[in-house]
PDB file of all heavy atoms in Angstrom:
ATOM      1  N   GLN A   1     -39.407  39.183  -5.739  1.00  0.00           N
ATOM      2  CA  GLN A   1     -40.212  40.402  -5.844  1.00  0.00           C
ATOM      3  C   GLN A   1     -41.506  40.254  -5.076  1.00  0.00           C
ATOM      4  O   GLN A   1     -42.013  41.196  -4.502  1.00  0.00           O
ATOM      5  CB  GLN A   1     -40.522  40.730  -7.307  1.00  0.00           C
ATOM      6  CG  GLN A   1     -41.303  42.032  -7.454  1.00  0.00           C
ATOM      7  CD  GLN A   1     -41.461  42.441  -8.895  1.00  0.00           C
ATOM      8  OE1 GLN A   1     -40.854  41.860  -9.781  1.00  0.00           O
ATOM      9  NE2 GLN A   1     -42.273  43.443  -9.129  1.00  0.00           N
ATOM     10  N   ARG A   2     -42.055  39.040  -5.057  1.00  0.00           N
ATOM     11  CA  ARG A   2     -43.337  38.865  -4.386  1.00  0.00           C
ATOM     12  C   ARG A   2     -43.266  37.844  -3.259  1.00  0.00           C
ATOM     13  O   ARG A   2     -43.014  38.186  -2.131  1.00  0.00           O
ATOM     14  CB  ARG A   2     -44.414  38.471  -5.414  1.00  0.00           C
ATOM     15  CG  ARG A   2     -44.791  39.636  -6.324  1.00  0.00           C
ATOM     16  CD  ARG A   2     -45.374  40.785  -5.517  1.00  0.00           C
ATOM     17  NE  ARG A   2     -45.635  41.951  -6.322  1.00  0.00           N
ATOM     18  CZ  ARG A   2     -45.946  43.155  -5.854  1.00  0.00           C
ATOM     19  NH1 ARG A   2     -46.020  43.336  -4.563  1.00  0.00           N
ATOM     20  NH2 ARG A   2     -46.174  44.163  -6.651  1.00  0.00           N
ATOM     21  N   THR A   3     -43.453  36.540  -3.550  1.00  0.00           N
ATOM     22  CA  THR A   3     -43.637  35.607  -2.444  1.00  0.00           C
ATOM     23  C   THR A   3     -42.609  34.490  -2.357  1.00  0.00           C
ATOM     24  O   THR A   3     -42.344  33.990  -1.283  1.00  0.00           O
ATOM     25  CB  THR A   3     -45.030  34.949  -2.526  1.00  0.00           C
ATOM     26  OG1 THR A   3     -45.178  34.326  -3.802  1.00  0.00           O
ATOM     27  CG2 THR A   3     -46.115  35.995  -2.342  1.00  0.00           C
ATOM     28  N   LYS A   4     -42.045  34.045  -3.487  1.00  0.00           N
ATOM     29  CA  LYS A   4     -41.093  32.938  -3.425  1.00  0.00           C
ATOM     30  C   LYS A   4     -39.808  33.415  -2.782  1.00  0.00           C
ATOM     31  O   LYS A   4     -39.227  34.411  -3.183  1.00  0.00           O
ATOM     32  CB  LYS A   4     -40.806  32.397  -4.828  1.00  0.00           C
ATOM     33  CG  LYS A   4     -39.897  31.171  -4.815  1.00  0.00           C
ATOM     34  CD  LYS A   4     -39.650  30.681  -6.225  1.00  0.00           C
ATOM     35  CE  LYS A   4     -38.715  29.485  -6.206  1.00  0.00           C
ATOM     36  NZ  LYS A   4     -38.433  28.996  -7.576  1.00  0.00           N
ATOM     37  N   THR A   5     -39.357  32.688  -1.782  1.00  0.00           N
ATOM     38  CA  THR A   5     -38.213  33.141  -1.001  1.00  0.00           C
ATOM     39  C   THR A   5     -37.151  32.056  -0.889  1.00  0.00           C
ATOM     40  O   THR A   5     -37.451  30.896  -0.696  1.00  0.00           O
ATOM     41  CB  THR A   5     -38.662  33.528   0.420  1.00  0.00           C
ATOM     42  OG1 THR A   5     -39.722  34.472   0.315  1.00  0.00           O
ATOM     43  CG2 THR A   5     -37.513  34.132   1.202  1.00  0.00           C
ATOM     44  N   VAL A   6     -35.919  32.454  -1.033  1.00  0.00           N
ATOM     45  CA  VAL A   6     -34.802  31.535  -0.827  1.00  0.00           C
ATOM     46  C   VAL A   6     -33.861  32.185   0.166  1.00  0.00           C
ATOM     47  O   VAL A   6     -33.549  33.362   0.056  1.00  0.00           O
ATOM     48  CB  VAL A   6     -34.058  31.256  -2.144  1.00  0.00           C
ATOM     49  CG1 VAL A   6     -32.856  30.339  -1.887  1.00  0.00           C
ATOM     50  CG2 VAL A   6     -34.987  30.634  -3.172  1.00  0.00           C
ATOM     51  N   ILE A   7     -33.396  31.423   1.131  1.00  0.00           N
ATOM     52  CA  ILE A   7     -32.385  31.918   2.067  1.00  0.00           C
ATOM     53  C   ILE A   7     -31.149  31.056   1.905  1.00  0.00           C
ATOM     54  O   ILE A   7     -31.232  29.845   1.864  1.00  0.00           O
ATOM     55  CB  ILE A   7     -32.865  31.816   3.523  1.00  0.00           C
ATOM     56  CG1 ILE A   7     -34.144  32.606   3.708  1.00  0.00           C
ATOM     57  CG2 ILE A   7     -31.797  32.300   4.481  1.00  0.00           C
ATOM     58  CD1 ILE A   7     -34.681  32.514   5.103  1.00  0.00           C
ATOM     59  N   ARG A   8     -30.007  31.678   1.777  1.00  0.00           N
ATOM     60  CA  ARG A   8     -28.772  30.909   1.752  1.00  0.00           C
ATOM     61  C   ARG A   8     -27.747  31.574   2.658  1.00  0.00           C
ATOM     62  O   ARG A   8     -27.743  32.780   2.801  1.00  0.00           O
ATOM     63  CB  ARG A   8     -28.219  30.788   0.329  1.00  0.00           C
ATOM     64  CG  ARG A   8     -27.994  32.092  -0.387  1.00  0.00           C
ATOM     65  CD  ARG A   8     -27.662  31.780  -1.846  1.00  0.00           C
ATOM     66  NE  ARG A   8     -27.685  32.984  -2.652  1.00  0.00           N
ATOM     67  CZ  ARG A   8     -26.648  33.772  -2.828  1.00  0.00           C
ATOM     68  NH1 ARG A   8     -25.511  33.494  -2.225  1.00  0.00           N
ATOM     69  NH2 ARG A   8     -26.740  34.843  -3.587  1.00  0.00           N
ATOM     70  N   ARG A   9     -26.902  30.766   3.270  1.00  0.00           N
ATOM     71  CA  ARG A   9     -25.862  31.282   4.145  1.00  0.00           C
ATOM     72  C   ARG A   9     -24.503  31.031   3.517  1.00  0.00           C
ATOM     73  O   ARG A   9     -24.300  30.060   2.799  1.00  0.00           O
ATOM     74  CB  ARG A   9     -25.905  30.576   5.502  1.00  0.00           C
ATOM     75  CG  ARG A   9     -27.245  30.670   6.192  1.00  0.00           C
ATOM     76  CD  ARG A   9     -27.133  29.983   7.534  1.00  0.00           C
ATOM     77  NE  ARG A   9     -28.436  29.553   8.008  1.00  0.00           N
ATOM     78  CZ  ARG A   9     -28.603  28.854   9.104  1.00  0.00           C
ATOM     79  NH1 ARG A   9     -27.584  28.499   9.836  1.00  0.00           N
ATOM     80  NH2 ARG A   9     -29.816  28.485   9.490  1.00  0.00           N
ATOM     81  N   THR A  10     -23.587  31.856   3.791  1.00  0.00           N
ATOM     82  CA  THR A  10     -22.235  31.634   3.292  1.00  0.00           C
ATOM     83  C   THR A  10     -21.598  30.502   4.076  1.00  0.00           C
ATOM     84  O   THR A  10     -21.941  30.247   5.236  1.00  0.00           O
ATOM     85  CB  THR A  10     -21.387  32.892   3.467  1.00  0.00           C
ATOM     86  OG1 THR A  10     -21.231  33.139   4.858  1.00  0.00           O
ATOM     87  CG2 THR A  10     -22.021  34.099   2.808  1.00  0.00           C
ATOM     88  N   ALA A  11     -20.668  29.804   3.424  1.00  0.00           N
ATOM     89  CA  ALA A  11     -20.023  28.665   4.071  1.00  0.00           C
ATOM     90  C   ALA A  11     -19.285  29.091   5.326  1.00  0.00           C
ATOM     91  O   ALA A  11     -19.224  28.355   6.303  1.00  0.00           O
ATOM     92  CB  ALA A  11     -19.044  28.001   3.094  1.00  0.00           C
ATOM     93  N   THR A  12     -18.750  30.299   5.313  1.00  0.00           N
ATOM     94  CA  THR A  12     -17.973  30.766   6.471  1.00  0.00           C
ATOM     95  C   THR A  12     -18.833  31.474   7.500  1.00  0.00           C
ATOM     96  O   THR A  12     -18.336  31.872   8.539  1.00  0.00           O
ATOM     97  CB  THR A  12     -16.884  31.741   6.017  1.00  0.00           C
ATOM     98  OG1 THR A  12     -17.506  32.842   5.339  1.00  0.00           O
ATOM     99  CG2 THR A  12     -15.906  31.065   5.083  1.00  0.00           C
ATOM    100  N   GLY A  13     -20.133  31.626   7.193  1.00  0.00           N
ATOM    101  CA  GLY A  13     -20.951  32.446   8.076  1.00  0.00           C
ATOM    102  C   GLY A  13     -22.094  31.717   8.736  1.00  0.00           C
ATOM    103  O   GLY A  13     -23.097  32.334   9.083  1.00  0.00           O
ATOM    104  N   VAL A  14     -21.980  30.398   8.891  1.00  0.00           N
ATOM    105  CA  VAL A  14     -23.093  29.641   9.447  1.00  0.00           C
ATOM    106  C   VAL A  14     -23.468  30.136  10.836  1.00  0.00           C
ATOM    107  O   VAL A  14     -24.641  30.354  11.141  1.00  0.00           O
ATOM    108  CB  VAL A  14     -22.751  28.132   9.493  1.00  0.00           C
ATOM    109  CG1 VAL A  14     -23.833  27.364  10.245  1.00  0.00           C
ATOM    110  CG2 VAL A  14     -22.609  27.592   8.081  1.00  0.00           C
ATOM    111  N   ALA A  15     -22.478  30.333  11.690  1.00  0.00           N
ATOM    112  CA  ALA A  15     -22.784  30.754  13.059  1.00  0.00           C
ATOM    113  C   ALA A  15     -23.414  32.129  13.093  1.00  0.00           C
ATOM    114  O   ALA A  15     -24.439  32.341  13.742  1.00  0.00           O
ATOM    115  CB  ALA A  15     -21.501  30.744  13.895  1.00  0.00           C
ATOM    116  N   SER A  16     -22.815  33.084  12.383  1.00  0.00           N
ATOM    117  CA  SER A  16     -23.336  34.443  12.437  1.00  0.00           C
ATOM    118  C   SER A  16     -24.670  34.558  11.737  1.00  0.00           C
ATOM    119  O   SER A  16     -25.439  35.474  12.005  1.00  0.00           O
ATOM    120  CB  SER A  16     -22.337  35.414  11.798  1.00  0.00           C
ATOM    121  OG  SER A  16     -22.190  35.139  10.432  1.00  0.00           O
ATOM    122  N   ALA A  17     -24.967  33.628  10.808  1.00  0.00           N
ATOM    123  CA  ALA A  17     -26.231  33.701  10.073  1.00  0.00           C
ATOM    124  C   ALA A  17     -27.387  33.112  10.863  1.00  0.00           C
ATOM    125  O   ALA A  17     -28.539  33.300  10.499  1.00  0.00           O
ATOM    126  CB  ALA A  17     -26.095  32.956   8.737  1.00  0.00           C
ATOM    127  N   GLY A  18     -27.093  32.394  11.939  1.00  0.00           N
ATOM    128  CA  GLY A  18     -28.143  31.671  12.646  1.00  0.00           C
ATOM    129  C   GLY A  18     -29.284  32.539  13.107  1.00  0.00           C
ATOM    130  O   GLY A  18     -30.455  32.213  12.904  1.00  0.00           O
ATOM    131  N   VAL A  19     -28.958  33.650  13.742  1.00  0.00           N
ATOM    132  CA  VAL A  19     -29.998  34.528  14.262  1.00  0.00           C
ATOM    133  C   VAL A  19     -30.817  35.128  13.133  1.00  0.00           C
ATOM    134  O   VAL A  19     -32.050  35.146  13.181  1.00  0.00           O
ATOM    135  CB  VAL A  19     -29.382  35.645  15.124  1.00  0.00           C
ATOM    136  CG1 VAL A  19     -30.440  36.669  15.495  1.00  0.00           C
ATOM    137  CG2 VAL A  19     -28.798  35.044  16.392  1.00  0.00           C
ATOM    138  N   ALA A  20     -30.159  35.618  12.087  1.00  0.00           N
ATOM    139  CA  ALA A  20     -30.877  36.232  10.978  1.00  0.00           C
ATOM    140  C   ALA A  20     -31.775  35.222  10.280  1.00  0.00           C
ATOM    141  O   ALA A  20     -32.905  35.528   9.906  1.00  0.00           O
ATOM    142  CB  ALA A  20     -29.898  36.838   9.979  1.00  0.00           C
ATOM    143  N   ALA A  21     -31.275  33.999  10.087  1.00  0.00           N
ATOM    144  CA  ALA A  21     -32.083  32.979   9.430  1.00  0.00           C
ATOM    145  C   ALA A  21     -33.289  32.608  10.280  1.00  0.00           C
ATOM    146  O   ALA A  21     -34.399  32.425   9.768  1.00  0.00           O
ATOM    147  CB  ALA A  21     -31.230  31.744   9.147  1.00  0.00           C
ATOM    148  N   ALA A  22     -33.079  32.477  11.595  1.00  0.00           N
ATOM    149  CA  ALA A  22     -34.197  32.163  12.485  1.00  0.00           C
ATOM    150  C   ALA A  22     -35.225  33.278  12.472  1.00  0.00           C
ATOM    151  O   ALA A  22     -36.438  33.036  12.470  1.00  0.00           O
ATOM    152  CB  ALA A  22     -33.679  31.934  13.910  1.00  0.00           C
ATOM    153  N   THR A  23     -34.740  34.506  12.458  1.00  0.00           N
ATOM    154  CA  THR A  23     -35.634  35.658  12.392  1.00  0.00           C
ATOM    155  C   THR A  23     -36.479  35.618  11.135  1.00  0.00           C
ATOM    156  O   THR A  23     -37.702  35.787  11.174  1.00  0.00           O
ATOM    157  CB  THR A  23     -34.813  36.965  12.381  1.00  0.00           C
ATOM    158  OG1 THR A  23     -34.017  36.994  13.547  1.00  0.00           O
ATOM    159  CG2 THR A  23     -35.704  38.188  12.347  1.00  0.00           C
ATOM    160  N   PHE A  24     -35.816  35.383  10.003  1.00  0.00           N
ATOM    161  CA  PHE A  24     -36.543  35.390   8.744  1.00  0.00           C
ATOM    162  C   PHE A  24     -37.518  34.226   8.661  1.00  0.00           C
ATOM    163  O   PHE A  24     -38.650  34.374   8.191  1.00  0.00           O
ATOM    164  CB  PHE A  24     -35.572  35.333   7.561  1.00  0.00           C
ATOM    165  CG  PHE A  24     -36.281  35.390   6.253  1.00  0.00           C
ATOM    166  CD1 PHE A  24     -36.767  36.596   5.787  1.00  0.00           C
ATOM    167  CD2 PHE A  24     -36.501  34.248   5.511  1.00  0.00           C
ATOM    168  CE1 PHE A  24     -37.447  36.660   4.600  1.00  0.00           C
ATOM    169  CE2 PHE A  24     -37.183  34.308   4.320  1.00  0.00           C
ATOM    170  CZ  PHE A  24     -37.651  35.518   3.857  1.00  0.00           C
ATOM    171  N   ALA A  25     -37.102  33.041   9.106  1.00  0.00           N
ATOM    172  CA  ALA A  25     -37.989  31.882   9.054  1.00  0.00           C
ATOM    173  C   ALA A  25     -39.247  32.112   9.866  1.00  0.00           C
ATOM    174  O   ALA A  25     -40.353  31.766   9.449  1.00  0.00           O
ATOM    175  CB  ALA A  25     -37.245  30.641   9.562  1.00  0.00           C
ATOM    176  N   ALA A  26     -39.081  32.708  11.042  1.00  0.00           N
ATOM    177  CA  ALA A  26     -40.245  33.003  11.873  1.00  0.00           C
ATOM    178  C   ALA A  26     -41.148  34.014  11.184  1.00  0.00           C
ATOM    179  O   ALA A  26     -42.374  33.913  11.210  1.00  0.00           O
ATOM    180  CB  ALA A  26     -39.796  33.531  13.234  1.00  0.00           C
ATOM    181  N   GLY A  27     -40.534  35.015  10.550  1.00  0.00           N
ATOM    182  CA  GLY A  27     -41.314  36.006   9.818  1.00  0.00           C
ATOM    183  C   GLY A  27     -42.048  35.396   8.654  1.00  0.00           C
ATOM    184  O   GLY A  27     -43.200  35.732   8.366  1.00  0.00           O
ATOM    185  N   LEU A  28     -41.397  34.462   7.939  1.00  0.00           N
ATOM    186  CA  LEU A  28     -42.033  33.804   6.805  1.00  0.00           C
ATOM    187  C   LEU A  28     -43.226  32.976   7.256  1.00  0.00           C
ATOM    188  O   LEU A  28     -44.289  32.995   6.649  1.00  0.00           O
ATOM    189  CB  LEU A  28     -41.005  32.909   6.099  1.00  0.00           C
ATOM    190  CG  LEU A  28     -41.490  32.146   4.878  1.00  0.00           C
ATOM    191  CD1 LEU A  28     -41.982  33.106   3.805  1.00  0.00           C
ATOM    192  CD2 LEU A  28     -40.375  31.262   4.330  1.00  0.00           C
ATOM    193  N   GLU A  29     -43.062  32.269   8.380  1.00  0.00           N
ATOM    194  CA  GLU A  29     -44.168  31.469   8.907  1.00  0.00           C
ATOM    195  C   GLU A  29     -45.334  32.356   9.308  1.00  0.00           C
ATOM    196  O   GLU A  29     -46.491  32.062   9.025  1.00  0.00           O
ATOM    197  CB  GLU A  29     -43.682  30.667  10.114  1.00  0.00           C
ATOM    198  CG  GLU A  29     -44.763  29.790  10.727  1.00  0.00           C
ATOM    199  CD  GLU A  29     -44.260  29.032  11.933  1.00  0.00           C
ATOM    200  OE1 GLU A  29     -43.056  29.110  12.221  1.00  0.00           O
ATOM    201  OE2 GLU A  29     -45.084  28.382  12.597  1.00  0.00           O
ATOM    202  N   LEU A  30     -45.035  33.474   9.962  1.00  0.00           N
ATOM    203  CA  LEU A  30     -46.068  34.405  10.376  1.00  0.00           C
ATOM    204  C   LEU A  30     -46.800  34.948   9.159  1.00  0.00           C
ATOM    205  O   LEU A  30     -48.034  35.011   9.127  1.00  0.00           O
ATOM    206  CB  LEU A  30     -45.440  35.559  11.162  1.00  0.00           C
ATOM    207  CG  LEU A  30     -46.375  36.693  11.603  1.00  0.00           C
ATOM    208  CD1 LEU A  30     -47.434  36.164  12.540  1.00  0.00           C
ATOM    209  CD2 LEU A  30     -45.574  37.808  12.259  1.00  0.00           C
TER     210      LEU A  30
END
């Protein structure tokens, strides 16, 4: 709801999740 964030990828979706995870990580750092 506020600030604590968890990202998880599905076992079958590692490749397709790469871009979204990188996007979110960069956003979290910013």
